[in-house]
Amino acid sequence: MRRYLFVGFVVLSVVLAAGQAMGRYSGTPNPENTITVTATGSVDADADWAEINLQMEGDGPTADDAMLACSDACERTIAALAKLGIAKNDTRMAMPQINGSVGADENGEPERCSVNTTLTVRINKVDAATICDDVCKIVDAAIAAEKGQGKHAAGMRDVTSGEAVVFGVRNPKPLRDTAISKALVATGELAEVAAAKAGKKLGPLLGIGIQSPDDAEEATLDAGTSGRPLQKAGRGTYSVSISATYKLQ
């Protein structure tokens, strides 16, 4: 089976520069003389960890054969990664997907089954100076582990498009607190403008709601979208969205 490798290395970009926030006000003052606005606060940060998502594939004449081939490909890759100092418990395999066919192809040969899965590899320490090389070494190890055996073929198909490399932080609480504070300042500014347009004065804050993300022990950094300024690898943006309700006077 002929294979092609498409390597996409995602370099993180920012959603907003540090110290900025975005938001909007929703509607006009309601009968209770309150207004609710939403805003997002963002903080730039260096990553503590990174994960590389490798797409693994195996095929064979039956679903069982394909499953075994895919599993074998993952095990060979994990063994190759061990030589780079990456422990087995720093890898995880997603639920395999079976792509089976019944019947024969145009040449009358039985159609083969294929199984694919994602093998995620964790890098526990991110060094911006070497992270590109570290990722390339992992991909190279996966390529070197690829091989075909008789009726079975297995190995790394490609690197997951769009989220090939994900960066994150282990303790997002300080970033979360800062992002919430920035978002809250932004809601006040938005509400002030909305109140003025309604011929009112902005009163006290009545309450806030944290929309996203949830409080967690770890968090990924936002990779952004195309067209935004790129940052160095291993650095990204953590954002929190909130809604705030103010009284109008």
C-alpha atoms as a PDB file:
ATOM      1  CA  MET A   1       0.000   0.000   0.000  1.00  0.00           C
ATOM      2  CA  ARG A   2       1.437   3.328  -1.045  1.00  0.00           C
ATOM      3  CA  ARG A   3       1.392   5.942   1.675  1.00  0.00           C
ATOM      4  CA  TYR A   4       1.818   9.667   1.838  1.00  0.00           C
ATOM      5  CA  LEU A   5       2.744  11.725   4.829  1.00  0.00           C
ATOM      6  CA  PHE A   6       1.289  15.169   5.299  1.00  0.00           C
ATOM      7  CA  VAL A   7       2.890  16.960   8.212  1.00  0.00           C
ATOM      8  CA  GLY A   8       1.122  20.051   9.461  1.00  0.00           C
ATOM      9  CA  PHE A   9       2.850  21.843  12.312  1.00  0.00           C
ATOM     10  CA  VAL A  10       0.530  24.318  13.898  1.00  0.00           C
ATOM     11  CA  VAL A  11       2.227  27.409  15.239  1.00  0.00           C
ATOM     12  CA  LEU A  12       0.189  29.210  17.823  1.00  0.00           C
ATOM     13  CA  SER A  13      -1.308  32.607  17.094  1.00  0.00           C
ATOM     14  CA  VAL A  14      -3.050  35.030  19.377  1.00  0.00           C
ATOM     15  CA  VAL A  15      -6.741  35.737  19.634  1.00  0.00           C
ATOM     16  CA  LEU A  16      -6.143  39.053  21.318  1.00  0.00           C
ATOM     17  CA  ALA A  17      -2.976  40.792  22.424  1.00  0.00           C
ATOM     18  CA  ALA A  18      -2.236  40.658  26.116  1.00  0.00           C
ATOM     19  CA  GLY A  19      -4.179  43.275  27.972  1.00  0.00           C
ATOM     20  CA  GLN A  20      -7.047  43.425  25.463  1.00  0.00           C
ATOM     21  CA  ALA A  21     -10.615  42.177  25.608  1.00  0.00           C
ATOM     22  CA  MET A  22     -13.574  42.070  23.272  1.00  0.00           C
ATOM     23  CA  GLY A  23     -17.284  42.009  23.864  1.00  0.00           C
ATOM     24  CA  ARG A  24     -20.748  43.199  22.929  1.00  0.00           C
ATOM     25  CA  TYR A  25     -23.877  44.406  24.638  1.00  0.00           C
ATOM     26  CA  SER A  26     -27.071  42.432  24.142  1.00  0.00           C
ATOM     27  CA  GLY A  27     -30.151  44.431  23.278  1.00  0.00           C
ATOM     28  CA  THR A  28     -31.514  47.493  25.050  1.00  0.00           C
ATOM     29  CA  PRO A  29     -32.301  48.075  28.723  1.00  0.00           C
ATOM     30  CA  ASN A  30     -35.049  45.723  29.859  1.00  0.00           C
ATOM     31  CA  PRO A  31     -38.120  46.739  31.902  1.00  0.00           C
ATOM     32  CA  GLU A  32     -36.223  46.128  35.133  1.00  0.00           C
ATOM     33  CA  ASN A  33     -33.699  48.805  34.122  1.00  0.00           C
ATOM     34  CA  THR A  34     -30.800  46.412  33.801  1.00  0.00           C
ATOM     35  CA  ILE A  35     -28.504  45.589  30.933  1.00  0.00           C
ATOM     36  CA  THR A  36     -26.449  42.460  30.293  1.00  0.00           C
ATOM     37  CA  VAL A  37     -23.234  42.570  28.304  1.00  0.00           C
ATOM     38  CA  THR A  38     -20.756  39.894  27.289  1.00  0.00           C
ATOM     39  CA  ALA A  39     -17.001  40.141  26.840  1.00  0.00           C
ATOM     40  CA  THR A  40     -13.921  37.990  26.461  1.00  0.00           C
ATOM     41  CA  GLY A  41     -10.671  38.569  28.311  1.00  0.00           C
ATOM     42  CA  SER A  42      -7.426  37.064  26.990  1.00  0.00           C
ATOM     43  CA  VAL A  43      -3.938  36.469  28.337  1.00  0.00           C
ATOM     44  CA  ASP A  44      -0.826  35.353  26.442  1.00  0.00           C
ATOM     45  CA  ALA A  45       1.171  32.540  28.044  1.00  0.00           C
ATOM     46  CA  ASP A  46       4.004  30.085  27.506  1.00  0.00           C
ATOM     47  CA  ALA A  47       2.974  26.440  27.325  1.00  0.00           C
ATOM     48  CA  ASP A  48       3.931  23.856  29.949  1.00  0.00           C
ATOM     49  CA  TRP A  49       3.141  20.847  27.750  1.00  0.00           C
ATOM     50  CA  ALA A  50       2.435  19.873  24.173  1.00  0.00           C
ATOM     51  CA  GLU A  51       0.626  16.999  22.490  1.00  0.00           C
ATOM     52  CA  ILE A  52       1.170  15.647  18.984  1.00  0.00           C
ATOM     53  CA  ASN A  53      -1.719  13.802  17.335  1.00  0.00           C
ATOM     54  CA  LEU A  54      -0.596  11.050  14.983  1.00  0.00           C
ATOM     55  CA  GLN A  55      -3.107   9.369  12.689  1.00  0.00           C
ATOM     56  CA  MET A  56      -2.444   5.611  12.686  1.00  0.00           C
ATOM     57  CA  GLU A  57      -3.896   3.138  10.226  1.00  0.00           C
ATOM     58  CA  GLY A  58      -3.994  -0.588   9.585  1.00  0.00           C
ATOM     59  CA  ASP A  59      -5.727  -2.646   6.948  1.00  0.00           C
ATOM     60  CA  GLY A  60      -6.347  -6.272   6.107  1.00  0.00           C
ATOM     61  CA  PRO A  61      -8.766  -8.700   4.484  1.00  0.00           C
ATOM     62  CA  THR A  62     -11.032  -8.663   7.545  1.00  0.00           C
ATOM     63  CA  ALA A  63     -11.945  -6.183  10.278  1.00  0.00           C
ATOM     64  CA  ASP A  64     -10.074  -8.285  12.849  1.00  0.00           C
ATOM     65  CA  ASP A  65      -6.947  -8.263  10.689  1.00  0.00           C
ATOM     66  CA  ALA A  66      -7.189  -4.510  10.205  1.00  0.00           C
ATOM     67  CA  MET A  67      -7.694  -3.946  13.942  1.00  0.00           C
ATOM     68  CA  LEU A  68      -4.630  -6.045  14.782  1.00  0.00           C
ATOM     69  CA  ALA A  69      -2.565  -4.247  12.158  1.00  0.00           C
ATOM     70  CA  CYS A  70      -3.540  -0.825  13.528  1.00  0.00           C
ATOM     71  CA  SER A  71      -2.828  -1.903  17.094  1.00  0.00           C
ATOM     72  CA  ASP A  72       0.535  -3.298  16.017  1.00  0.00           C
ATOM     73  CA  ALA A  73       1.387  -0.016  14.294  1.00  0.00           C
ATOM     74  CA  CYS A  74       0.662   1.887  17.508  1.00  0.00           C
ATOM     75  CA  GLU A  75       2.780  -0.491  19.579  1.00  0.00           C
ATOM     76  CA  ARG A  76       5.716  -0.203  17.158  1.00  0.00           C
ATOM     77  CA  THR A  77       5.464   3.581  17.283  1.00  0.00           C
ATOM     78  CA  ILE A  78       5.306   3.604  21.092  1.00  0.00           C
ATOM     79  CA  ALA A  79       8.409   1.397  21.195  1.00  0.00           C
ATOM     80  CA  ALA A  80      10.217   3.789  18.854  1.00  0.00           C
ATOM     81  CA  LEU A  81       9.188   6.764  20.997  1.00  0.00           C
ATOM     82  CA  ALA A  82      10.600   5.030  24.091  1.00  0.00           C
ATOM     83  CA  LYS A  83      14.040   5.419  22.523  1.00  0.00           C
ATOM     84  CA  LEU A  84      13.439   9.171  22.582  1.00  0.00           C
ATOM     85  CA  GLY A  85      12.690   9.022  26.302  1.00  0.00           C
ATOM     86  CA  ILE A  86       8.898   9.191  25.933  1.00  0.00           C
ATOM     87  CA  ALA A  87       7.201   6.807  28.353  1.00  0.00           C
ATOM     88  CA  LYS A  88       4.265   4.645  27.288  1.00  0.00           C
ATOM     89  CA  ASN A  89       1.999   6.365  29.820  1.00  0.00           C
ATOM     90  CA  ASP A  90       2.666   9.621  27.949  1.00  0.00           C
ATOM     91  CA  THR A  91       0.815   8.200  24.957  1.00  0.00           C
ATOM     92  CA  ARG A  92      -2.849   7.401  24.520  1.00  0.00           C
ATOM     93  CA  MET A  93      -4.834   5.833  21.725  1.00  0.00           C
ATOM     94  CA  ALA A  94      -8.314   6.995  20.734  1.00  0.00           C
ATOM     95  CA  MET A  95     -11.192   4.617  20.042  1.00  0.00           C
ATOM     96  CA  PRO A  96     -10.410   2.891  16.700  1.00  0.00           C
ATOM     97  CA  GLN A  97     -12.734   3.454  13.759  1.00  0.00           C
ATOM     98  CA  ILE A  98     -13.460   0.554  11.421  1.00  0.00           C
ATOM     99  CA  ASN A  99     -13.962   1.297   7.746  1.00  0.00           C
ATOM    100  CA  GLY A 100     -15.113  -1.971   6.226  1.00  0.00           C
ATOM    101  CA  SER A 101     -16.348  -2.945   2.793  1.00  0.00           C
ATOM    102  CA  VAL A 102     -18.223  -6.001   1.559  1.00  0.00           C
ATOM    103  CA  GLY A 103     -17.888  -7.398  -1.966  1.00  0.00           C
ATOM    104  CA  ALA A 104     -15.192  -7.100  -4.598  1.00  0.00           C
ATOM    105  CA  ASP A 105     -13.372  -4.302  -6.364  1.00  0.00           C
ATOM    106  CA  GLU A 106     -13.367  -3.700 -10.117  1.00  0.00           C
ATOM    107  CA  ASN A 107     -10.753  -6.432 -10.559  1.00  0.00           C
ATOM    108  CA  GLY A 108     -12.781  -8.990  -8.659  1.00  0.00           C
ATOM    109  CA  GLU A 109     -10.455  -8.913  -5.654  1.00  0.00           C
ATOM    110  CA  PRO A 110     -12.043  -8.891  -2.166  1.00  0.00           C
ATOM    111  CA  GLU A 111     -12.214  -5.362  -0.781  1.00  0.00           C
ATOM    112  CA  ARG A 112     -10.091  -4.763   2.280  1.00  0.00           C
ATOM    113  CA  CYS A 113     -11.046  -3.353   5.666  1.00  0.00           C
ATOM    114  CA  SER A 114      -9.171  -0.513   7.293  1.00  0.00           C
ATOM    115  CA  VAL A 115      -8.970   0.724  10.872  1.00  0.00           C
ATOM    116  CA  ASN A 116      -7.655   4.097  11.929  1.00  0.00           C
ATOM    117  CA  THR A 117      -7.085   5.782  15.251  1.00  0.00           C
ATOM    118  CA  THR A 118      -5.300   8.770  16.756  1.00  0.00           C
ATOM    119  CA  LEU A 119      -2.176   8.168  18.817  1.00  0.00           C
ATOM    120  CA  THR A 120      -1.587  11.211  21.031  1.00  0.00           C
ATOM    121  CA  VAL A 121       1.948  11.780  22.326  1.00  0.00           C
ATOM    122  CA  ARG A 122       2.551  14.074  25.310  1.00  0.00           C
ATOM    123  CA  ILE A 123       5.663  16.263  25.664  1.00  0.00           C
ATOM    124  CA  ASN A 124       5.836  17.125  29.356  1.00  0.00           C
ATOM    125  CA  LYS A 125       8.249  20.028  29.045  1.00  0.00           C
ATOM    126  CA  VAL A 126       8.095  22.628  26.293  1.00  0.00           C
ATOM    127  CA  ASP A 127      11.244  24.485  25.308  1.00  0.00           C
ATOM    128  CA  ALA A 128      10.505  27.120  22.683  1.00  0.00           C
ATOM    129  CA  ALA A 129      14.048  26.798  21.339  1.00  0.00           C
ATOM    130  CA  THR A 130      13.747  23.071  20.624  1.00  0.00           C
ATOM    131  CA  ILE A 131      10.017  22.304  20.327  1.00  0.00           C
ATOM    132  CA  CYS A 132      10.079  22.213  16.522  1.00  0.00           C
ATOM    133  CA  ASP A 133      12.925  19.691  16.575  1.00  0.00           C
ATOM    134  CA  ASP A 134      11.181  17.692  19.305  1.00  0.00           C
ATOM    135  CA  VAL A 135       8.019  17.395  17.213  1.00  0.00           C
ATOM    136  CA  CYS A 136       9.987  16.417  14.103  1.00  0.00           C
ATOM    137  CA  LYS A 137      11.793  13.678  16.022  1.00  0.00           C
ATOM    138  CA  ILE A 138       8.485  12.207  17.142  1.00  0.00           C
ATOM    139  CA  VAL A 139       7.085  12.278  13.597  1.00  0.00           C
ATOM    140  CA  ASP A 140      10.307  10.744  12.229  1.00  0.00           C
ATOM    141  CA  ALA A 141      10.125   7.968  14.814  1.00  0.00           C
ATOM    142  CA  ALA A 142       6.550   7.201  13.775  1.00  0.00           C
ATOM    143  CA  ILE A 143       7.552   7.098  10.104  1.00  0.00           C
ATOM    144  CA  ALA A 144      10.485   4.785  10.844  1.00  0.00           C
ATOM    145  CA  ALA A 145       8.155   2.402  12.688  1.00  0.00           C
ATOM    146  CA  GLU A 146       5.926   1.990   9.623  1.00  0.00           C
ATOM    147  CA  LYS A 147       6.069  -1.280   7.732  1.00  0.00           C
ATOM    148  CA  GLY A 148       3.887  -3.708   5.819  1.00  0.00           C
ATOM    149  CA  GLN A 149       3.614  -7.398   6.577  1.00  0.00           C
ATOM    150  CA  GLY A 150       2.231  -9.677   3.889  1.00  0.00           C
ATOM    151  CA  LYS A 151      -1.518  -9.152   3.634  1.00  0.00           C
ATOM    152  CA  HIS A 152      -1.424  -6.513   6.321  1.00  0.00           C
ATOM    153  CA  ALA A 153      -0.218  -2.938   6.021  1.00  0.00           C
ATOM    154  CA  ALA A 154       0.033  -0.525   8.901  1.00  0.00           C
ATOM    155  CA  GLY A 155       1.711   2.635  10.040  1.00  0.00           C
ATOM    156  CA  MET A 156       1.294   6.359  10.465  1.00  0.00           C
ATOM    157  CA  ARG A 157      -1.039   7.785   7.829  1.00  0.00           C
ATOM    158  CA  ASP A 158      -0.515  11.466   8.585  1.00  0.00           C
ATOM    159  CA  VAL A 159      -0.501  14.066  11.340  1.00  0.00           C
ATOM    160  CA  THR A 160      -3.964  15.284  12.300  1.00  0.00           C
ATOM    161  CA  SER A 161      -4.833  18.286  10.161  1.00  0.00           C
ATOM    162  CA  GLY A 162      -5.728  21.437  12.076  1.00  0.00           C
ATOM    163  CA  GLU A 163      -4.603  20.252  15.513  1.00  0.00           C
ATOM    164  CA  ALA A 164      -1.372  18.459  14.769  1.00  0.00           C
ATOM    165  CA  VAL A 165       0.278  20.056  17.802  1.00  0.00           C
ATOM    166  CA  VAL A 166      -1.687  21.305  20.806  1.00  0.00           C
ATOM    167  CA  PHE A 167      -0.089  23.414  23.541  1.00  0.00           C
ATOM    168  CA  GLY A 168      -1.392  23.835  27.061  1.00  0.00           C
ATOM    169  CA  VAL A 169      -0.759  24.808  30.672  1.00  0.00           C
ATOM    170  CA  ARG A 170      -1.008  22.678  33.814  1.00  0.00           C
ATOM    171  CA  ASN A 171      -2.296  25.352  36.163  1.00  0.00           C
ATOM    172  CA  PRO A 172      -4.566  27.766  34.284  1.00  0.00           C
ATOM    173  CA  LYS A 173      -6.032  29.408  37.415  1.00  0.00           C
ATOM    174  CA  PRO A 174      -3.747  32.494  37.400  1.00  0.00           C
ATOM    175  CA  LEU A 175      -4.446  32.987  33.681  1.00  0.00           C
ATOM    176  CA  ARG A 176      -8.166  32.447  34.261  1.00  0.00           C
ATOM    177  CA  ASP A 177      -8.309  35.015  37.061  1.00  0.00           C
ATOM    178  CA  THR A 178      -6.486  37.608  34.957  1.00  0.00           C
ATOM    179  CA  ALA A 179      -8.645  36.936  31.896  1.00  0.00           C
ATOM    180  CA  ILE A 180     -11.832  37.274  33.962  1.00  0.00           C
ATOM    181  CA  SER A 181     -10.629  40.593  35.384  1.00  0.00           C
ATOM    182  CA  LYS A 182      -9.928  41.923  31.890  1.00  0.00           C
ATOM    183  CA  ALA A 183     -13.285  40.716  30.625  1.00  0.00           C
ATOM    184  CA  LEU A 184     -15.045  42.377  33.554  1.00  0.00           C
ATOM    185  CA  VAL A 185     -13.373  45.710  32.775  1.00  0.00           C
ATOM    186  CA  ALA A 186     -14.511  45.334  29.173  1.00  0.00           C
ATOM    187  CA  THR A 187     -18.120  44.659  30.197  1.00  0.00           C
ATOM    188  CA  GLY A 188     -18.119  47.859  32.250  1.00  0.00           C
ATOM    189  CA  GLU A 189     -16.911  49.867  29.272  1.00  0.00           C
ATOM    190  CA  LEU A 190     -19.508  48.302  26.979  1.00  0.00           C
ATOM    191  CA  ALA A 191     -22.304  48.828  29.474  1.00  0.00           C
ATOM    192  CA  GLU A 192     -21.290  52.463  29.919  1.00  0.00           C
ATOM    193  CA  VAL A 193     -21.640  53.054  26.176  1.00  0.00           C
ATOM    194  CA  ALA A 194     -24.980  51.221  26.022  1.00  0.00           C
ATOM    195  CA  ALA A 195     -26.362  53.137  29.003  1.00  0.00           C
ATOM    196  CA  ALA A 196     -25.392  56.465  27.458  1.00  0.00           C
ATOM    197  CA  LYS A 197     -27.146  55.557  24.216  1.00  0.00           C
ATOM    198  CA  ALA A 198     -30.276  54.767  26.228  1.00  0.00           C
ATOM    199  CA  GLY A 199     -30.092  58.102  28.068  1.00  0.00           C
ATOM    200  CA  LYS A 200     -29.266  56.383  31.351  1.00  0.00           C
ATOM    201  CA  LYS A 201     -26.414  56.269  33.801  1.00  0.00           C
ATOM    202  CA  LEU A 202     -24.663  53.029  34.582  1.00  0.00           C
ATOM    203  CA  GLY A 203     -25.403  51.718  38.055  1.00  0.00           C
ATOM    204  CA  PRO A 204     -23.778  48.958  40.126  1.00  0.00           C
ATOM    205  CA  LEU A 205     -22.843  45.504  38.918  1.00  0.00           C
ATOM    206  CA  LEU A 206     -25.584  43.040  39.854  1.00  0.00           C
ATOM    207  CA  GLY A 207     -23.965  39.774  38.854  1.00  0.00           C
ATOM    208  CA  ILE A 208     -21.686  37.936  36.438  1.00  0.00           C
ATOM    209  CA  GLY A 209     -21.710  34.539  34.766  1.00  0.00           C
ATOM    210  CA  ILE A 210     -18.634  32.662  33.547  1.00  0.00           C
ATOM    211  CA  GLN A 211     -19.517  31.304  30.120  1.00  0.00           C
ATOM    212  CA  SER A 212     -16.321  29.490  29.140  1.00  0.00           C
ATOM    213  CA  PRO A 213     -14.067  27.715  29.668  1.00  0.00           C
ATOM    214  CA  ASP A 214     -14.757  25.576  32.731  1.00  0.00           C
ATOM    215  CA  ASP A 215     -12.375  25.655  35.656  1.00  0.00           C
ATOM    216  CA  ALA A 216      -9.978  22.716  35.165  1.00  0.00           C
ATOM    217  CA  GLU A 217      -6.594  21.431  36.296  1.00  0.00           C
ATOM    218  CA  GLU A 218      -5.215  21.763  32.757  1.00  0.00           C
ATOM    219  CA  ALA A 219      -6.142  23.891  29.766  1.00  0.00           C
ATOM    220  CA  THR A 220      -5.153  24.213  26.138  1.00  0.00           C
ATOM    221  CA  LEU A 221      -3.957  27.488  24.671  1.00  0.00           C
ATOM    222  CA  ASP A 222      -5.842  28.933  21.730  1.00  0.00           C
ATOM    223  CA  ALA A 223      -4.166  28.316  18.386  1.00  0.00           C
ATOM    224  CA  GLY A 224      -6.094  31.169  16.799  1.00  0.00           C
ATOM    225  CA  THR A 225      -7.063  31.342  13.140  1.00  0.00           C
ATOM    226  CA  SER A 226      -5.377  32.226   9.898  1.00  0.00           C
ATOM    227  CA  GLY A 227      -4.785  35.902   9.283  1.00  0.00           C
ATOM    228  CA  ARG A 228      -3.790  36.680  12.851  1.00  0.00           C
ATOM    229  CA  PRO A 229      -0.205  37.460  13.931  1.00  0.00           C
ATOM    230  CA  LEU A 230       1.827  34.345  14.705  1.00  0.00           C
ATOM    231  CA  GLN A 231       3.731  33.921  17.932  1.00  0.00           C
ATOM    232  CA  LYS A 232       6.690  31.688  18.565  1.00  0.00           C
ATOM    233  CA  ALA A 233       5.976  27.995  18.963  1.00  0.00           C
ATOM    234  CA  GLY A 234       5.012  27.056  22.493  1.00  0.00           C
ATOM    235  CA  ARG A 235       3.151  30.263  23.210  1.00  0.00           C
ATOM    236  CA  GLY A 236      -0.538  31.056  22.851  1.00  0.00           C
ATOM    237  CA  THR A 237      -3.614  32.691  24.312  1.00  0.00           C
ATOM    238  CA  TYR A 238      -5.933  31.690  27.144  1.00  0.00           C
ATOM    239  CA  SER A 239      -9.378  33.305  26.990  1.00  0.00           C
ATOM    240  CA  VAL A 240     -12.441  33.451  29.220  1.00  0.00           C
ATOM    241  CA  SER A 241     -15.900  34.742  28.245  1.00  0.00           C
ATOM    242  CA  ILE A 242     -18.236  36.265  30.829  1.00  0.00           C
ATOM    243  CA  SER A 243     -21.628  37.951  30.928  1.00  0.00           C
ATOM    244  CA  ALA A 244     -22.301  40.809  33.362  1.00  0.00           C
ATOM    245  CA  THR A 245     -25.557  42.443  34.379  1.00  0.00           C
ATOM    246  CA  TYR A 246     -25.611  46.080  35.491  1.00  0.00           C
ATOM    247  CA  LYS A 247     -28.344  48.251  36.930  1.00  0.00           C
ATOM    248  CA  LEU A 248     -29.326  51.357  34.971  1.00  0.00           C
ATOM    249  CA  GLN A 249     -30.154  54.591  36.785  1.00  0.00           C
END
